[in-house]
Amino acid sequence: MIDQDCIIEIENLRTEFEGNIVHKDINLCIYRGEVLSLIGGSGSGKTTLLRQILGLEKPSQGTIRIFGYSRYNSNYKLLKNIRNRSGVLFQNGALFSALSVFDNVALPLRELHTLDEPLIHDLVMLKLDMVAIDGQHVNKMPAELSGGMVKRVALARALALDPELLFLDEPTAGLDPQLSQSFVDLIHTLRSEMQLTIVMVTHDLNPLTALSDRIAVLAEQRVIAIGNLQEIINYDHPFIKSFFMGDHDKYILNNKQSL
């Protein structure tokens, strides 16, 4: 359920690298309980913005607040609180290649230093079950997994601490249409069950149309439009027209709008 509480607030954000302006005066509120998708062309700064929200990069100017706390001007205890209430699914899964499936998912739990191993075992198995990974796979290494399984294990790790906030970076990249749809269905179910707020970067129309409550479009160094799917489609801008008007995209849109 969406309310008007801003779980993430971005104010007057500016990003500049060696004189190259990426973002200029970005203001954005992400509501608690919504799925907000970020789209934009190559070089528009959508991944950079995601990394700034995650605290992996620092903007040149402006503020980012998460759960009411400053991402860049809070003490260690507050920043740890933000991290523990957030989960991240990186584009390629980013599983640790030297760790098994079990140990990848167990890592965030072990970093708490408050749980014993029997409880960690039970929690890991619960999270793997949530993403439909059978117990027979727990001792496999990432190199032994299919692309779809890597995504699911990475999602289980992202959900290990029962986060309120989930970040998805191109969640269906590299998946065939059937696996992509299966993964979208999984996200949709978990969002409802865990009452997640989701920030998603994607160029794939399937998760965009199936999951998004609102879409923010990055172009010309700013957020040029924000709204629901129909509002964005009707916005008159060259990037938006090109993004949604390919033959494949028209087919998906027509099917979504007919439901």
Foldseek 3Di string as FASTA:
>chain_A
DWDPDFQKWWFQFWADDPNRTQAGGATDGFTQLFEEEEEEDPSNCPVVVVCCQVVNDPTPDTFMDGNNHTCPPDDPVVVVVRVLQEFEQAQQLPFDQVQFLLCSLLVVVVVVVPDDPVVSNVLSVVLLVLLPHDPVRRGHGPVPDDSLVSLSSSVSSRCSSLHQEYEEEASCPPHDPVSSVVVLVSVVVCCVVSSHRYYYYHLDVPSLLSGHQKYFYGDPNYGPDMGGPVVLCPDDDVVSCVSQPDPVNVVVVVVSVVD
